[in-house]
Amino acid sequence: KACLGKLYPEKASFCESVIFPVFVILPIFLISSAGMIKKRVVHLQTDPEYAGWYYALKMSRKSLMNAKALAESGDVKEFYGHIFKTMQQYFGRRFSLPPESITETVVDMELAKMINEQEILSDAKDIFFDCHLARYGSVSLGQDDVKSTFEKFKKVIGYLNERRIL
């Protein structure tokens, strides 16, 4: 016989297979994802204002859920303690100050420089006042006060999170 025929079955080459696009696209996707992650990490490390806003935003989301649960549970002292600590930590991150030094006067001075919305300023002062009243005052606050403070808290934090002030 002059021709033995094919010794192996004929298959499509690798570049014609279904798996080939995956091998081409996957490394491109992984490299571009790593580049974006690296860019964000560098931005967080080099821009303290952005980092403060980013971490305050992250913290405020968790804190809002915890505050809502505390408001529904009915524990007034614990609710106001949580709100006070959250406000201190949030404004400490945003203003690049130690959280323990944040009081209503510091917030009033710093926020007044950055925003002109008097309603937000008065709500922030009211939250601090209510927290001091509930924690140290002899007057007991009820569920209506807790709900109004929670709504003010949501409004102030939401306003500052939406506007990247600083």
Protein backbone atom coordinates (compact mmCIF):
# COMPACT_ATOMS: atom_id res chain seq x y z
CA LYS A 1 0.00 0.00 0.00
CA ALA A 2 1.32 3.40 -0.88
CA CYS A 3 -0.51 5.43 1.82
CA LEU A 4 -1.00 4.14 5.33
CA GLY A 5 -3.69 6.75 6.10
CA LYS A 6 -3.86 8.92 9.17
CA LEU A 7 -2.22 7.56 12.27
CA TYR A 8 -4.19 9.82 14.65
CA PRO A 9 -7.71 11.24 14.49
CA GLU A 10 -8.03 14.74 13.12
CA LYS A 11 -8.83 17.33 15.82
CA ALA A 12 -9.28 21.06 15.66
CA SER A 13 -6.25 23.07 16.64
CA PHE A 14 -6.12 24.74 20.08
CA CYS A 15 -6.80 28.22 18.71
CA GLU A 16 -10.04 26.95 17.19
CA SER A 17 -11.27 25.31 20.40
CA VAL A 18 -13.89 26.66 22.78
CA ILE A 19 -11.42 26.96 25.66
CA PHE A 20 -9.04 29.28 23.79
CA PRO A 21 -10.95 32.56 24.45
CA VAL A 22 -11.00 31.75 28.17
CA PHE A 23 -7.21 31.39 28.19
CA VAL A 24 -6.89 34.72 26.40
CA ILE A 25 -9.48 36.76 28.33
CA LEU A 26 -8.84 35.43 31.85
CA PRO A 27 -5.26 36.79 32.21
CA ILE A 28 -6.36 40.17 30.84
CA PHE A 29 -9.22 40.30 33.35
CA LEU A 30 -6.98 39.29 36.27
CA ILE A 31 -4.28 41.82 35.41
CA SER A 32 -6.75 44.67 34.99
CA SER A 33 -8.49 43.76 38.28
CA ALA A 34 -5.17 43.72 40.11
CA GLY A 35 -4.33 47.11 38.62
CA MET A 36 -7.61 48.63 39.78
CA ILE A 37 -7.18 47.23 43.28
CA LYS A 38 -3.63 48.56 43.46
CA LYS A 39 -4.79 51.99 42.30
CA ARG A 40 -7.44 52.14 45.04
CA VAL A 41 -4.95 51.05 47.72
CA VAL A 42 -2.47 53.72 46.63
CA HIS A 43 -5.25 56.33 46.59
CA LEU A 44 -6.29 55.36 50.12
CA GLN A 45 -2.69 55.55 51.32
CA THR A 46 -1.81 58.87 49.71
CA ASP A 47 -5.01 60.90 50.08
CA PRO A 48 -5.99 61.20 53.77
CA GLU A 49 -9.19 63.14 53.02
CA TYR A 50 -10.44 60.44 50.66
CA ALA A 51 -9.39 57.72 53.10
CA GLY A 52 -11.25 59.46 55.92
CA TRP A 53 -14.37 59.77 53.80
CA TYR A 54 -14.14 56.16 52.61
CA TYR A 55 -13.66 54.63 56.05
CA ALA A 56 -16.30 56.90 57.59
CA LEU A 57 -18.75 55.82 54.89
CA LYS A 58 -18.01 52.16 55.57
CA MET A 59 -18.34 52.60 59.32
CA SER A 60 -21.56 54.61 59.04
CA ARG A 61 -23.33 51.88 57.07
CA LYS A 62 -22.68 49.31 59.79
CA SER A 63 -23.48 51.79 62.52
CA LEU A 64 -26.85 52.70 61.01
CA MET A 65 -27.92 49.08 61.09
CA ASN A 66 -26.79 48.69 64.71
CA ALA A 67 -28.52 51.93 65.72
CA LYS A 68 -31.76 50.81 64.09
CA ALA A 69 -31.64 47.53 66.00
CA LEU A 70 -30.96 49.36 69.27
CA ALA A 71 -33.79 51.82 68.59
CA GLU A 72 -36.20 48.94 68.05
CA SER A 73 -35.00 47.08 71.14
CA GLY A 74 -35.98 49.97 73.43
CA ASP A 75 -32.71 50.30 75.38
CA VAL A 76 -32.46 54.10 75.47
CA LYS A 77 -29.11 54.49 77.27
CA GLU A 78 -27.37 51.97 75.05
CA PHE A 79 -28.88 53.56 71.93
CA TYR A 80 -27.66 57.04 72.84
CA GLY A 81 -24.25 55.69 73.87
CA HIS A 82 -23.93 54.00 70.49
CA ILE A 83 -25.05 57.13 68.62
CA PHE A 84 -22.59 59.30 70.57
CA LYS A 85 -19.63 56.97 69.92
CA THR A 86 -20.57 56.67 66.25
CA MET A 87 -20.81 60.43 65.84
CA GLN A 88 -17.41 60.84 67.49
CA GLN A 89 -15.80 58.18 65.31
CA TYR A 90 -17.49 59.42 62.13
CA PHE A 91 -16.51 63.05 62.59
CA GLY A 92 -13.07 62.05 63.82
CA ARG A 93 -12.49 60.19 60.56
CA ARG A 94 -13.94 62.99 58.46
CA PHE A 95 -12.02 65.82 60.16
CA SER A 96 -8.82 63.82 60.78
CA LEU A 97 -9.06 64.41 64.53
CA PRO A 98 -8.92 61.98 67.44
CA PRO A 99 -12.46 60.70 68.05
CA GLU A 100 -12.32 61.43 71.79
CA SER A 101 -11.84 65.15 71.10
CA ILE A 102 -15.04 65.43 69.06
CA THR A 103 -17.74 67.39 70.88
CA GLU A 104 -20.69 69.42 69.69
CA THR A 105 -18.58 72.61 69.63
CA VAL A 106 -15.88 70.99 67.47
CA VAL A 107 -18.49 69.61 65.09
CA ASP A 108 -20.23 72.99 64.97
CA MET A 109 -16.97 74.80 64.16
CA GLU A 110 -15.74 72.27 61.60
CA LEU A 111 -19.08 71.69 59.87
CA ALA A 112 -19.86 75.40 59.73
CA LYS A 113 -16.68 75.87 57.68
CA MET A 114 -17.73 73.24 55.15
CA ILE A 115 -21.48 73.44 54.73
CA ASN A 116 -24.05 76.23 54.77
CA GLU A 117 -27.05 74.07 55.50
CA GLN A 118 -28.30 75.26 58.90
CA GLU A 119 -30.73 72.36 59.27
CA ILE A 120 -27.90 69.80 59.16
CA LEU A 121 -25.84 71.84 61.63
CA SER A 122 -28.72 72.14 64.07
CA ASP A 123 -29.53 68.42 63.71
CA ALA A 124 -25.93 67.48 64.51
CA LYS A 125 -25.98 69.73 67.59
CA ASP A 126 -29.35 68.30 68.65
CA ILE A 127 -28.00 64.74 68.39
CA PHE A 128 -25.07 65.57 70.67
CA PHE A 129 -27.39 67.40 73.08
CA ASP A 130 -29.82 64.46 73.21
CA CYS A 131 -26.93 62.04 73.78
CA HIS A 132 -25.63 64.11 76.69
CA LEU A 133 -29.13 64.46 78.10
CA ALA A 134 -29.83 60.72 77.90
CA ARG A 135 -26.45 59.64 79.24
CA TYR A 136 -25.84 62.20 81.98
CA GLY A 137 -29.14 63.99 82.61
CA SER A 138 -31.83 63.11 85.07
CA VAL A 139 -34.54 63.38 82.41
CA SER A 140 -35.51 60.10 80.78
CA LEU A 141 -36.10 60.12 77.04
CA GLY A 142 -38.84 57.98 75.48
CA GLN A 143 -39.23 56.02 72.27
CA ASP A 144 -40.46 59.10 70.39
CA ASP A 145 -37.20 60.88 71.22
CA VAL A 146 -35.24 57.81 70.15
CA LYS A 147 -37.04 57.72 66.80
CA SER A 148 -36.54 61.44 66.16
CA THR A 149 -32.84 61.19 67.09
CA PHE A 150 -32.42 58.18 64.79
CA GLU A 151 -34.06 60.08 61.92
CA LYS A 152 -31.78 63.09 62.53
CA PHE A 153 -28.79 60.75 62.69
CA LYS A 154 -29.73 59.16 59.36
CA LYS A 155 -30.25 62.57 57.82
CA VAL A 156 -26.92 64.05 58.98
CA ILE A 157 -24.86 60.97 58.09
CA GLY A 158 -26.67 60.56 54.76
CA TYR A 159 -26.11 64.22 53.86
CA LEU A 160 -22.41 64.04 54.64
CA ASN A 161 -21.96 60.69 52.87
CA GLU A 162 -23.66 61.94 49.70
CA ARG A 163 -21.51 65.04 49.55
CA ARG A 164 -17.83 64.31 49.75
CA ILE A 165 -17.14 67.45 51.71
CA LEU A 166 -13.47 68.01 52.59
